[in-house]
Amino acid sequence: MAAYGERVELTSRSAIRGVAPQRVVDVVQECLGTADDEARTQVLVAPELGGWTTVTWPAYFAPRDLDVCRVLSRELRAVVSAVTTTTDEGWSHHLFGCGTELDRFHSYPAGLAWDDGDVHVLAQEWRGDFELVARVAGVDACAVRRHFCQATPAARDHPGRDRDGYLGLWAALGIRVPDASYAAVPVAPVWSAVTAG
């Protein structure tokens, strides 16, 4: 875990399968409310690529992005892949289908633990099911399996500690992140409007 007082960079991205970017923008605005164009808080929606529309959430929006992803999945009747990365504590992946969380994985469970005793339990809770994820995404399970590998505190150089490790998983799922944005959606900085209802 990061040392006390050390700033941990936290970022969140999501990919929605089979939904046009404008429809994603519409549902994000319904969930979060809108702000004027001068707002500093923006949700970046990328053009659809390979059948997936990707979203980059505002800095430090996690875990609220999961509430919105659940709503996006339900309202759009779509599969949503959501990732959160941290500076040196790995990344997590959640898979939603029709508003239900289907799977979750964390590449470095020790980053979630308050003490050493929690790590084993957290590793089991966050081990994920690569076969289910592959089946839902319609891809080869072997391509997904290699990315469901958890790092331990003893293996500091393990690839599971790499904050960009999720990109390999996304590539296996057919998700690519475009270089350009479709829309920058200014949203209200008050997240209390977010409901998983």
N, C-alpha and C. Protein backbone atom coordinates (compact mmCIF):
# COMPACT_ATOMS: atom_id res chain seq x y z
N MET A 1 0.84 -1.18 0.00
CA MET A 1 0.00 0.00 0.00
C MET A 1 0.88 1.24 0.00
N ALA A 2 0.34 2.33 -0.46
CA ALA A 2 1.09 3.58 -0.48
C ALA A 2 1.38 4.03 0.94
N ALA A 3 2.51 4.70 1.12
CA ALA A 3 2.88 5.20 2.43
C ALA A 3 1.89 6.28 2.86
N TYR A 4 1.74 6.42 4.18
CA TYR A 4 0.82 7.43 4.70
C TYR A 4 1.19 8.80 4.15
N GLY A 5 0.20 9.51 3.63
CA GLY A 5 0.41 10.85 3.10
C GLY A 5 0.88 10.87 1.66
N GLU A 6 1.25 9.70 1.11
CA GLU A 6 1.70 9.64 -0.28
C GLU A 6 0.49 9.72 -1.20
N ARG A 7 0.59 10.52 -2.21
CA ARG A 7 -0.52 10.69 -3.15
C ARG A 7 -0.58 9.49 -4.10
N VAL A 8 -1.73 8.87 -4.19
CA VAL A 8 -1.95 7.73 -5.07
C VAL A 8 -2.81 8.20 -6.23
N GLU A 9 -2.30 8.04 -7.43
CA GLU A 9 -3.08 8.43 -8.61
C GLU A 9 -4.07 7.33 -8.92
N LEU A 10 -5.32 7.70 -9.05
CA LEU A 10 -6.41 6.77 -9.27
C LEU A 10 -7.14 7.17 -10.54
N THR A 11 -7.27 6.26 -11.48
CA THR A 11 -7.98 6.56 -12.72
C THR A 11 -8.97 5.44 -13.03
N SER A 12 -10.03 5.80 -13.73
CA SER A 12 -11.07 4.84 -14.08
C SER A 12 -11.46 4.99 -15.54
N ARG A 13 -11.62 3.84 -16.18
CA ARG A 13 -12.09 3.81 -17.57
C ARG A 13 -13.12 2.70 -17.71
N SER A 14 -13.99 2.87 -18.68
CA SER A 14 -15.00 1.85 -18.94
C SER A 14 -15.16 1.68 -20.44
N ALA A 15 -15.66 0.52 -20.82
CA ALA A 15 -15.96 0.23 -22.22
C ALA A 15 -17.35 -0.39 -22.29
N ILE A 16 -18.18 0.13 -23.19
CA ILE A 16 -19.55 -0.33 -23.34
C ILE A 16 -19.66 -0.99 -24.71
N ARG A 17 -20.12 -2.22 -24.74
CA ARG A 17 -20.16 -2.97 -26.00
C ARG A 17 -21.45 -2.72 -26.78
N GLY A 18 -21.26 -2.43 -28.07
CA GLY A 18 -22.38 -2.36 -29.00
C GLY A 18 -23.28 -1.15 -28.85
N VAL A 19 -22.78 -0.06 -28.28
CA VAL A 19 -23.60 1.14 -28.08
C VAL A 19 -22.87 2.33 -28.68
N ALA A 20 -23.59 3.12 -29.45
CA ALA A 20 -23.00 4.30 -30.08
C ALA A 20 -22.61 5.34 -29.03
N PRO A 21 -21.55 6.10 -29.29
CA PRO A 21 -21.08 7.09 -28.32
C PRO A 21 -22.14 8.10 -27.88
N GLN A 22 -22.98 8.56 -28.80
CA GLN A 22 -23.98 9.57 -28.41
C GLN A 22 -24.97 9.01 -27.40
N ARG A 23 -25.32 7.76 -27.54
CA ARG A 23 -26.24 7.14 -26.58
C ARG A 23 -25.57 7.04 -25.20
N VAL A 24 -24.26 6.74 -25.18
CA VAL A 24 -23.52 6.71 -23.92
C VAL A 24 -23.51 8.10 -23.29
N VAL A 25 -23.25 9.12 -24.09
CA VAL A 25 -23.26 10.51 -23.61
C VAL A 25 -24.62 10.83 -22.98
N ASP A 26 -25.70 10.45 -23.65
CA ASP A 26 -27.04 10.75 -23.15
C ASP A 26 -27.28 10.14 -21.76
N VAL A 27 -26.89 8.87 -21.59
CA VAL A 27 -27.13 8.20 -20.31
C VAL A 27 -26.21 8.76 -19.23
N VAL A 28 -24.96 9.08 -19.57
CA VAL A 28 -24.05 9.70 -18.60
C VAL A 28 -24.65 11.02 -18.10
N GLN A 29 -25.17 11.82 -19.01
CA GLN A 29 -25.78 13.10 -18.61
C GLN A 29 -27.01 12.88 -17.74
N GLU A 30 -27.80 11.85 -18.03
CA GLU A 30 -28.96 11.54 -17.20
C GLU A 30 -28.53 11.15 -15.79
N CYS A 31 -27.44 10.39 -15.70
CA CYS A 31 -26.97 9.91 -14.40
C CYS A 31 -26.32 11.00 -13.56
N LEU A 32 -25.47 11.80 -14.18
CA LEU A 32 -24.62 12.73 -13.44
C LEU A 32 -25.10 14.18 -13.48
N GLY A 33 -26.05 14.48 -14.33
CA GLY A 33 -26.45 15.88 -14.49
C GLY A 33 -25.43 16.58 -15.37
N THR A 34 -25.76 17.76 -15.80
CA THR A 34 -24.86 18.49 -16.69
C THR A 34 -24.41 19.78 -16.01
N ALA A 35 -23.32 20.29 -16.52
CA ALA A 35 -22.78 21.56 -16.03
C ALA A 35 -22.52 22.43 -17.26
N ASP A 36 -22.15 23.68 -17.03
CA ASP A 36 -21.85 24.52 -18.18
C ASP A 36 -20.54 24.06 -18.83
N ASP A 37 -20.30 24.52 -20.03
CA ASP A 37 -19.14 24.08 -20.79
C ASP A 37 -17.82 24.46 -20.14
N GLU A 38 -17.84 25.34 -19.16
CA GLU A 38 -16.62 25.77 -18.48
C GLU A 38 -16.25 24.83 -17.33
N ALA A 39 -17.10 23.84 -17.06
CA ALA A 39 -16.85 22.95 -15.93
C ALA A 39 -15.51 22.24 -16.08
N ARG A 40 -14.83 22.11 -14.97
CA ARG A 40 -13.52 21.46 -14.99
C ARG A 40 -13.66 19.94 -14.90
N THR A 41 -14.82 19.48 -14.50
CA THR A 41 -15.05 18.05 -14.37
C THR A 41 -15.72 17.54 -15.63
N GLN A 42 -15.03 16.65 -16.33
CA GLN A 42 -15.55 16.15 -17.60
C GLN A 42 -15.42 14.64 -17.69
N VAL A 43 -16.39 14.05 -18.35
CA VAL A 43 -16.34 12.64 -18.72
C VAL A 43 -15.98 12.62 -20.20
N LEU A 44 -14.92 11.89 -20.54
CA LEU A 44 -14.49 11.82 -21.93
C LEU A 44 -15.02 10.54 -22.57
N VAL A 45 -15.79 10.71 -23.62
CA VAL A 45 -16.35 9.57 -24.35
C VAL A 45 -15.62 9.49 -25.69
N ALA A 46 -15.08 8.31 -25.99
CA ALA A 46 -14.31 8.13 -27.22
C ALA A 46 -15.21 7.54 -28.31
N PRO A 47 -14.78 7.68 -29.56
CA PRO A 47 -15.55 7.07 -30.65
C PRO A 47 -15.57 5.55 -30.50
N GLU A 48 -16.62 4.93 -31.04
CA GLU A 48 -16.73 3.48 -31.01
C GLU A 48 -15.62 2.88 -31.87
N LEU A 49 -14.96 1.87 -31.32
CA LEU A 49 -13.87 1.22 -32.04
C LEU A 49 -13.95 -0.28 -31.76
N GLY A 50 -14.06 -1.07 -32.80
CA GLY A 50 -14.15 -2.52 -32.62
C GLY A 50 -15.39 -2.95 -31.86
N GLY A 51 -16.45 -2.15 -31.94
CA GLY A 51 -17.70 -2.51 -31.27
C GLY A 51 -17.80 -2.06 -29.82
N TRP A 52 -16.79 -1.33 -29.32
CA TRP A 52 -16.81 -0.85 -27.93
C TRP A 52 -16.66 0.67 -27.91
N THR A 53 -17.43 1.34 -27.10
CA THR A 53 -17.29 2.77 -26.84
C THR A 53 -16.63 2.92 -25.47
N THR A 54 -15.51 3.64 -25.42
CA THR A 54 -14.79 3.78 -24.15
C THR A 54 -15.06 5.13 -23.49
N VAL A 55 -14.97 5.12 -22.17
CA VAL A 55 -15.23 6.30 -21.36
C VAL A 55 -14.07 6.46 -20.38
N THR A 56 -13.57 7.68 -20.25
CA THR A 56 -12.59 8.00 -19.21
C THR A 56 -13.30 8.89 -18.20
N TRP A 57 -13.32 8.44 -16.96
CA TRP A 57 -14.04 9.15 -15.90
C TRP A 57 -13.15 10.23 -15.29
N PRO A 58 -13.75 11.23 -14.63
CA PRO A 58 -12.94 12.28 -13.98
C PRO A 58 -11.97 11.69 -12.96
N ALA A 59 -10.89 12.39 -12.72
CA ALA A 59 -9.89 11.95 -11.74
C ALA A 59 -10.56 11.72 -10.38
N TYR A 60 -10.18 10.67 -9.73
CA TYR A 60 -10.67 10.30 -8.40
C TYR A 60 -12.18 10.09 -8.35
N PHE A 61 -12.76 9.69 -9.49
CA PHE A 61 -14.19 9.41 -9.54
C PHE A 61 -14.51 8.02 -8.97
N ALA A 62 -13.52 7.12 -8.98
CA ALA A 62 -13.73 5.77 -8.45
C ALA A 62 -14.05 5.86 -6.96
N PRO A 63 -14.94 5.06 -6.43
CA PRO A 63 -15.65 3.95 -7.07
C PRO A 63 -17.01 4.35 -7.63
N ARG A 64 -17.30 5.65 -7.70
CA ARG A 64 -18.60 6.09 -8.23
C ARG A 64 -18.82 5.64 -9.66
N ASP A 65 -17.72 5.45 -10.40
CA ASP A 65 -17.85 5.00 -11.78
C ASP A 65 -18.59 3.66 -11.85
N LEU A 66 -18.44 2.84 -10.82
CA LEU A 66 -19.10 1.53 -10.83
C LEU A 66 -20.61 1.68 -10.74
N ASP A 67 -21.08 2.67 -9.97
CA ASP A 67 -22.52 2.94 -9.92
C ASP A 67 -23.04 3.36 -11.29
N VAL A 68 -22.28 4.23 -11.94
CA VAL A 68 -22.70 4.70 -13.26
C VAL A 68 -22.62 3.57 -14.28
N CYS A 69 -21.58 2.73 -14.19
CA CYS A 69 -21.45 1.60 -15.11
C CYS A 69 -22.62 0.63 -14.96
N ARG A 70 -23.06 0.43 -13.73
CA ARG A 70 -24.22 -0.44 -13.49
C ARG A 70 -25.45 0.16 -14.18
N VAL A 71 -25.63 1.47 -14.06
CA VAL A 71 -26.76 2.14 -14.70
C VAL A 71 -26.63 2.08 -16.22
N LEU A 72 -25.43 2.36 -16.74
CA LEU A 72 -25.20 2.27 -18.19
C LEU A 72 -25.55 0.87 -18.69
N SER A 73 -25.09 -0.14 -17.99
CA SER A 73 -25.34 -1.52 -18.39
C SER A 73 -26.83 -1.83 -18.39
N ARG A 74 -27.52 -1.35 -17.36
CA ARG A 74 -28.96 -1.60 -17.27
C ARG A 74 -29.75 -0.82 -18.31
N GLU A 75 -29.49 0.48 -18.39
CA GLU A 75 -30.26 1.33 -19.31
C GLU A 75 -29.99 1.02 -20.78
N LEU A 76 -28.77 0.65 -21.08
CA LEU A 76 -28.39 0.38 -22.47
C LEU A 76 -28.49 -1.10 -22.82
N ARG A 77 -28.83 -1.92 -21.80
CA ARG A 77 -28.88 -3.37 -21.98
C ARG A 77 -27.60 -3.87 -22.65
N ALA A 78 -26.49 -3.49 -22.02
CA ALA A 78 -25.19 -3.74 -22.61
C ALA A 78 -24.22 -4.35 -21.61
N VAL A 79 -23.15 -4.91 -22.17
CA VAL A 79 -22.03 -5.38 -21.38
C VAL A 79 -21.10 -4.20 -21.16
N VAL A 80 -20.66 -4.00 -19.91
CA VAL A 80 -19.74 -2.92 -19.58
C VAL A 80 -18.54 -3.50 -18.84
N SER A 81 -17.36 -3.16 -19.33
CA SER A 81 -16.10 -3.53 -18.70
C SER A 81 -15.56 -2.27 -18.04
N ALA A 82 -15.32 -2.32 -16.74
CA ALA A 82 -14.85 -1.14 -16.00
C ALA A 82 -13.52 -1.46 -15.31
N VAL A 83 -12.55 -0.57 -15.47
CA VAL A 83 -11.24 -0.75 -14.84
C VAL A 83 -10.89 0.47 -14.00
N THR A 84 -10.18 0.21 -12.92
CA THR A 84 -9.63 1.27 -12.08
C THR A 84 -8.16 0.94 -11.87
N THR A 85 -7.31 1.94 -12.02
CA THR A 85 -5.87 1.73 -11.82
C THR A 85 -5.37 2.65 -10.71
N THR A 86 -4.30 2.20 -10.05
CA THR A 86 -3.65 3.02 -9.04
C THR A 86 -2.16 3.11 -9.36
N THR A 87 -1.49 4.01 -8.69
CA THR A 87 -0.08 4.27 -8.97
C THR A 87 0.77 3.01 -8.96
N ASP A 88 0.76 2.24 -7.87
CA ASP A 88 1.59 1.04 -7.83
C ASP A 88 0.89 -0.12 -7.13
N GLU A 89 -0.42 -0.06 -7.08
CA GLU A 89 -1.18 -1.10 -6.40
C GLU A 89 -2.08 -1.86 -7.36
N GLY A 90 -1.65 -1.93 -8.63
CA GLY A 90 -2.36 -2.74 -9.59
C GLY A 90 -3.62 -2.11 -10.15
N TRP A 91 -4.49 -2.97 -10.63
CA TRP A 91 -5.72 -2.53 -11.29
C TRP A 91 -6.85 -3.51 -10.96
N SER A 92 -8.06 -3.01 -11.10
CA SER A 92 -9.22 -3.87 -10.87
C SER A 92 -10.09 -3.85 -12.12
N HIS A 93 -10.87 -4.90 -12.28
CA HIS A 93 -11.77 -5.03 -13.42
C HIS A 93 -13.12 -5.51 -12.92
N HIS A 94 -14.18 -4.83 -13.36
CA HIS A 94 -15.55 -5.26 -13.08
C HIS A 94 -16.24 -5.47 -14.42
N LEU A 95 -17.06 -6.50 -14.49
CA LEU A 95 -17.85 -6.76 -15.69
C LEU A 95 -19.32 -6.72 -15.31
N PHE A 96 -20.07 -5.91 -16.04
CA PHE A 96 -21.51 -5.78 -15.81
C PHE A 96 -22.27 -6.25 -17.04
N GLY A 97 -23.45 -6.82 -16.82
CA GLY A 97 -24.35 -7.19 -17.90
C GLY A 97 -25.77 -6.89 -17.47
N CYS A 98 -26.46 -6.07 -18.24
CA CYS A 98 -27.86 -5.70 -17.95
C CYS A 98 -28.05 -5.22 -16.51
N GLY A 99 -27.09 -4.45 -16.01
CA GLY A 99 -27.19 -3.84 -14.69
C GLY A 99 -26.71 -4.70 -13.53
N THR A 100 -26.22 -5.90 -13.82
CA THR A 100 -25.76 -6.81 -12.77
C THR A 100 -24.25 -6.98 -12.85
N GLU A 101 -23.58 -6.92 -11.69
CA GLU A 101 -22.15 -7.21 -11.68
C GLU A 101 -21.97 -8.70 -11.88
N LEU A 102 -21.26 -9.07 -12.96
CA LEU A 102 -21.04 -10.47 -13.29
C LEU A 102 -19.73 -11.00 -12.75
N ASP A 103 -18.73 -10.13 -12.66
CA ASP A 103 -17.41 -10.58 -12.24
C ASP A 103 -16.60 -9.40 -11.74
N ARG A 104 -15.61 -9.70 -10.87
CA ARG A 104 -14.65 -8.69 -10.45
C ARG A 104 -13.30 -9.34 -10.21
N PHE A 105 -12.26 -8.60 -10.51
CA PHE A 105 -10.89 -9.09 -10.39
C PHE A 105 -10.01 -7.94 -9.92
N HIS A 106 -9.02 -8.27 -9.08
CA HIS A 106 -8.02 -7.28 -8.71
C HIS A 106 -6.65 -7.91 -8.88
N SER A 107 -5.75 -7.18 -9.56
CA SER A 107 -4.43 -7.73 -9.88
C SER A 107 -3.46 -7.73 -8.69
N TYR A 108 -3.77 -6.96 -7.65
CA TYR A 108 -2.89 -6.89 -6.47
C TYR A 108 -3.76 -6.75 -5.23
N PRO A 109 -4.34 -7.85 -4.75
CA PRO A 109 -5.27 -7.79 -3.62
C PRO A 109 -4.68 -7.17 -2.36
N ALA A 110 -3.36 -7.27 -2.17
CA ALA A 110 -2.74 -6.67 -0.98
C ALA A 110 -2.95 -5.16 -0.96
N GLY A 111 -3.16 -4.56 -2.12
CA GLY A 111 -3.43 -3.13 -2.19
C GLY A 111 -4.78 -2.76 -1.60
N LEU A 112 -5.66 -3.74 -1.44
CA LEU A 112 -6.98 -3.52 -0.86
C LEU A 112 -7.02 -3.78 0.64
N ALA A 113 -5.99 -4.46 1.16
CA ALA A 113 -6.01 -4.97 2.54
C ALA A 113 -5.63 -3.91 3.56
N TRP A 114 -6.28 -4.00 4.72
CA TRP A 114 -5.92 -3.14 5.85
C TRP A 114 -4.81 -3.78 6.66
N ASP A 115 -4.76 -5.11 6.67
CA ASP A 115 -3.69 -5.82 7.37
C ASP A 115 -3.38 -7.11 6.63
N ASP A 116 -2.28 -7.75 7.01
CA ASP A 116 -1.82 -8.95 6.31
C ASP A 116 -2.83 -10.09 6.34
N GLY A 117 -3.64 -10.15 7.40
CA GLY A 117 -4.61 -11.23 7.52
C GLY A 117 -5.71 -11.18 6.47
N ASP A 118 -5.97 -10.00 5.92
CA ASP A 118 -7.04 -9.85 4.94
C ASP A 118 -6.64 -10.30 3.54
N VAL A 119 -5.36 -10.36 3.24
CA VAL A 119 -4.90 -10.54 1.86
C VAL A 119 -5.40 -11.83 1.24
N HIS A 120 -5.32 -12.94 1.95
CA HIS A 120 -5.75 -14.23 1.38
C HIS A 120 -7.25 -14.20 1.06
N VAL A 121 -8.04 -13.68 1.98
CA VAL A 121 -9.49 -13.60 1.78
C VAL A 121 -9.79 -12.68 0.58
N LEU A 122 -9.13 -11.54 0.54
CA LEU A 122 -9.35 -10.61 -0.58
C LEU A 122 -8.92 -11.21 -1.91
N ALA A 123 -7.83 -11.97 -1.90
CA ALA A 123 -7.38 -12.62 -3.13
C ALA A 123 -8.45 -13.57 -3.67
N GLN A 124 -9.12 -14.27 -2.77
CA GLN A 124 -10.20 -15.18 -3.19
C GLN A 124 -11.42 -14.40 -3.69
N GLU A 125 -11.77 -13.34 -2.96
CA GLU A 125 -12.94 -12.54 -3.34
C GLU A 125 -12.75 -11.83 -4.67
N TRP A 126 -11.50 -11.51 -5.00
CA TRP A 126 -11.20 -10.72 -6.19
C TRP A 126 -10.45 -11.52 -7.25
N ARG A 127 -10.54 -12.84 -7.23
CA ARG A 127 -9.77 -13.64 -8.19
C ARG A 127 -10.38 -13.62 -9.59
N GLY A 128 -11.65 -13.31 -9.69
CA GLY A 128 -12.29 -13.24 -11.00
C GLY A 128 -12.50 -14.61 -11.63
N ASP A 129 -13.27 -14.61 -12.70
CA ASP A 129 -13.58 -15.83 -13.44
C ASP A 129 -13.30 -15.54 -14.91
N PHE A 130 -12.08 -15.85 -15.34
CA PHE A 130 -11.68 -15.51 -16.70
C PHE A 130 -12.54 -16.22 -17.75
N GLU A 131 -13.02 -17.43 -17.43
CA GLU A 131 -13.85 -18.16 -18.39
C GLU A 131 -15.19 -17.45 -18.60
N LEU A 132 -15.79 -16.98 -17.51
CA LEU A 132 -17.05 -16.25 -17.61
C LEU A 132 -16.85 -14.95 -18.41
N VAL A 133 -15.78 -14.21 -18.09
CA VAL A 133 -15.51 -12.94 -18.79
C VAL A 133 -15.32 -13.21 -20.28
N ALA A 134 -14.56 -14.24 -20.62
CA ALA A 134 -14.33 -14.58 -22.03
C ALA A 134 -15.63 -14.97 -22.72
N ARG A 135 -16.45 -15.76 -22.03
CA ARG A 135 -17.72 -16.20 -22.61
C ARG A 135 -18.65 -15.01 -22.88
N VAL A 136 -18.75 -14.11 -21.90
CA VAL A 136 -19.62 -12.94 -22.07
C VAL A 136 -19.12 -12.05 -23.22
N ALA A 137 -17.79 -11.92 -23.33
CA ALA A 137 -17.21 -11.07 -24.37
C ALA A 137 -17.14 -11.79 -25.72
N GLY A 138 -17.33 -13.11 -25.71
CA GLY A 138 -17.28 -13.87 -26.95
C GLY A 138 -15.86 -14.01 -27.51
N VAL A 139 -14.89 -14.19 -26.60
CA VAL A 139 -13.49 -14.34 -27.02
C VAL A 139 -12.90 -15.62 -26.42
N ASP A 140 -11.70 -15.97 -26.87
CA ASP A 140 -11.01 -17.16 -26.41
C ASP A 140 -10.59 -17.02 -24.95
N ALA A 141 -10.94 -18.00 -24.13
CA ALA A 141 -10.63 -17.95 -22.70
C ALA A 141 -9.12 -17.95 -22.45
N CYS A 142 -8.35 -18.64 -23.27
CA CYS A 142 -6.89 -18.67 -23.07
C CYS A 142 -6.28 -17.28 -23.20
N ALA A 143 -6.83 -16.47 -24.08
CA ALA A 143 -6.31 -15.11 -24.26
C ALA A 143 -6.60 -14.24 -23.04
N VAL A 144 -7.69 -14.52 -22.34
CA VAL A 144 -8.09 -13.75 -21.17
C VAL A 144 -7.38 -14.26 -19.91
N ARG A 145 -7.17 -15.55 -19.83
CA ARG A 145 -6.63 -16.19 -18.63
C ARG A 145 -5.32 -15.56 -18.15
N ARG A 146 -4.41 -15.30 -19.06
CA ARG A 146 -3.08 -14.81 -18.65
C ARG A 146 -3.14 -13.47 -17.93
N HIS A 147 -4.25 -12.75 -18.08
CA HIS A 147 -4.37 -11.43 -17.45
C HIS A 147 -5.02 -11.52 -16.07
N PHE A 148 -5.52 -12.69 -15.71
CA PHE A 148 -6.13 -12.90 -14.40
C PHE A 148 -5.11 -13.54 -13.46
N CYS A 149 -3.99 -12.87 -13.28
CA CYS A 149 -2.89 -13.33 -12.46
C CYS A 149 -2.64 -12.28 -11.37
N GLN A 150 -2.72 -12.70 -10.12
CA GLN A 150 -2.59 -11.75 -9.01
C GLN A 150 -1.17 -11.67 -8.47
N ALA A 151 -0.72 -10.46 -8.22
CA ALA A 151 0.58 -10.23 -7.60
C ALA A 151 0.45 -10.37 -6.09
N THR A 152 1.57 -10.64 -5.43
CA THR A 152 1.61 -10.71 -3.98
C THR A 152 2.61 -9.68 -3.47
N PRO A 153 2.56 -9.33 -2.18
CA PRO A 153 3.52 -8.36 -1.65
C PRO A 153 4.97 -8.82 -1.83
N ALA A 154 5.20 -10.14 -1.86
CA ALA A 154 6.56 -10.66 -2.01
C ALA A 154 7.10 -10.49 -3.42
N ALA A 155 6.23 -10.30 -4.40
CA ALA A 155 6.64 -10.19 -5.80
C ALA A 155 6.42 -8.76 -6.29
N ARG A 156 7.28 -7.87 -5.87
CA ARG A 156 7.11 -6.44 -6.19
C ARG A 156 7.18 -6.15 -7.68
N ASP A 157 7.93 -6.96 -8.44
CA ASP A 157 8.07 -6.72 -9.87
C ASP A 157 7.07 -7.49 -10.71
N HIS A 158 6.11 -8.10 -10.08
CA HIS A 158 5.09 -8.88 -10.78
C HIS A 158 4.30 -7.96 -11.71
N PRO A 159 3.96 -8.43 -12.92
CA PRO A 159 3.19 -7.58 -13.85
C PRO A 159 1.83 -7.15 -13.30
N GLY A 160 1.33 -7.88 -12.31
CA GLY A 160 0.05 -7.49 -11.70
C GLY A 160 0.11 -6.15 -10.99
N ARG A 161 1.32 -5.67 -10.68
CA ARG A 161 1.46 -4.37 -10.04
C ARG A 161 1.44 -3.23 -11.05
N ASP A 162 1.55 -3.56 -12.32
CA ASP A 162 1.60 -2.55 -13.38
C ASP A 162 0.24 -1.90 -13.57
N ARG A 163 0.17 -0.60 -13.43
CA ARG A 163 -1.11 0.10 -13.53
C ARG A 163 -1.74 -0.03 -14.91
N ASP A 164 -0.95 -0.28 -15.94
CA ASP A 164 -1.50 -0.40 -17.30
C ASP A 164 -1.74 -1.85 -17.70
N GLY A 165 -1.67 -2.76 -16.74
CA GLY A 165 -1.87 -4.18 -17.04
C GLY A 165 -3.24 -4.48 -17.62
N TYR A 166 -4.21 -3.67 -17.31
CA TYR A 166 -5.57 -3.90 -17.83
C TYR A 166 -5.62 -3.78 -19.35
N LEU A 167 -4.68 -3.04 -19.94
CA LEU A 167 -4.70 -2.86 -21.40
C LEU A 167 -4.55 -4.20 -22.12
N GLY A 168 -3.77 -5.12 -21.54
CA GLY A 168 -3.66 -6.46 -22.11
C GLY A 168 -4.98 -7.20 -22.04
N LEU A 169 -5.67 -7.08 -20.91
CA LEU A 169 -6.99 -7.71 -20.78
C LEU A 169 -7.94 -7.11 -21.79
N TRP A 170 -7.98 -5.78 -21.86
CA TRP A 170 -8.88 -5.14 -22.81
C TRP A 170 -8.58 -5.57 -24.24
N ALA A 171 -7.32 -5.67 -24.59
CA ALA A 171 -6.96 -6.12 -25.94
C ALA A 171 -7.50 -7.53 -26.19
N ALA A 172 -7.39 -8.41 -25.19
CA ALA A 172 -7.92 -9.77 -25.32
C ALA A 172 -9.43 -9.77 -25.48
N LEU A 173 -10.11 -8.78 -24.90
CA LEU A 173 -11.56 -8.67 -25.01
C LEU A 173 -11.99 -7.94 -26.29
N GLY A 174 -11.02 -7.43 -27.03
CA GLY A 174 -11.33 -6.70 -28.26
C GLY A 174 -11.56 -5.22 -28.05
N ILE A 175 -11.18 -4.72 -26.86
CA ILE A 175 -11.38 -3.30 -26.54
C ILE A 175 -10.09 -2.54 -26.85
N ARG A 176 -10.23 -1.52 -27.68
CA ARG A 176 -9.09 -0.64 -27.97
C ARG A 176 -9.52 0.79 -27.63
N VAL A 177 -8.56 1.55 -27.13
CA VAL A 177 -8.85 2.92 -26.73
C VAL A 177 -8.42 3.86 -27.86
N PRO A 178 -9.36 4.55 -28.49
CA PRO A 178 -9.00 5.47 -29.56
C PRO A 178 -8.18 6.65 -29.03
N ASP A 179 -7.42 7.26 -29.91
CA ASP A 179 -6.61 8.43 -29.53
C ASP A 179 -7.44 9.70 -29.40
N ALA A 180 -8.58 9.75 -30.07
CA ALA A 180 -9.40 10.96 -30.09
C ALA A 180 -10.64 10.78 -29.22
N SER A 181 -11.25 11.90 -28.85
CA SER A 181 -12.50 11.87 -28.09
C SER A 181 -13.67 12.17 -29.02
N TYR A 182 -14.78 11.53 -28.74
CA TYR A 182 -16.03 11.85 -29.43
C TYR A 182 -16.66 13.07 -28.77
N ALA A 183 -16.64 13.06 -27.43
CA ALA A 183 -17.25 14.16 -26.68
C ALA A 183 -16.61 14.29 -25.31
N ALA A 184 -16.48 15.52 -24.85
CA ALA A 184 -16.09 15.82 -23.48
C ALA A 184 -17.35 16.36 -22.81
N VAL A 185 -17.90 15.58 -21.91
CA VAL A 185 -19.19 15.90 -21.31
C VAL A 185 -18.95 16.59 -19.97
N PRO A 186 -19.24 17.90 -19.88
CA PRO A 186 -19.10 18.58 -18.58
C PRO A 186 -20.20 18.11 -17.64
N VAL A 187 -19.82 17.66 -16.47
CA VAL A 187 -20.81 17.13 -15.53
C VAL A 187 -20.74 17.88 -14.22
N ALA A 188 -21.86 17.83 -13.52
CA ALA A 188 -21.93 18.49 -12.22
C ALA A 188 -20.96 17.82 -11.26
N PRO A 189 -20.22 18.62 -10.47
CA PRO A 189 -19.24 18.03 -9.54
C PRO A 189 -19.87 17.38 -8.32
N VAL A 190 -21.18 17.43 -8.22
CA VAL A 190 -21.87 16.82 -7.08
C VAL A 190 -22.31 15.43 -7.49
N TRP A 191 -21.67 14.41 -6.93
CA TRP A 191 -21.94 13.03 -7.36
C TRP A 191 -23.12 12.40 -6.63
N SER A 192 -23.78 13.16 -5.74
CA SER A 192 -24.90 12.56 -5.00
C SER A 192 -26.04 12.20 -5.93
N ALA A 193 -26.03 12.74 -7.13
CA ALA A 193 -27.09 12.41 -8.09
C ALA A 193 -26.93 11.00 -8.63
N VAL A 194 -25.76 10.39 -8.41
CA VAL A 194 -25.52 9.06 -8.94
C VAL A 194 -26.26 8.04 -8.10
N THR A 195 -27.11 7.27 -8.76
CA THR A 195 -27.82 6.22 -8.05
C THR A 195 -27.80 4.94 -8.89
N ALA A 196 -27.65 3.85 -8.20
CA ALA A 196 -27.68 2.57 -8.90
C ALA A 196 -29.10 2.04 -8.98
N GLY A 197 -30.05 2.73 -8.31
CA GLY A 197 -31.45 2.45 -8.27
C GLY A 197 -31.91 1.36 -9.03
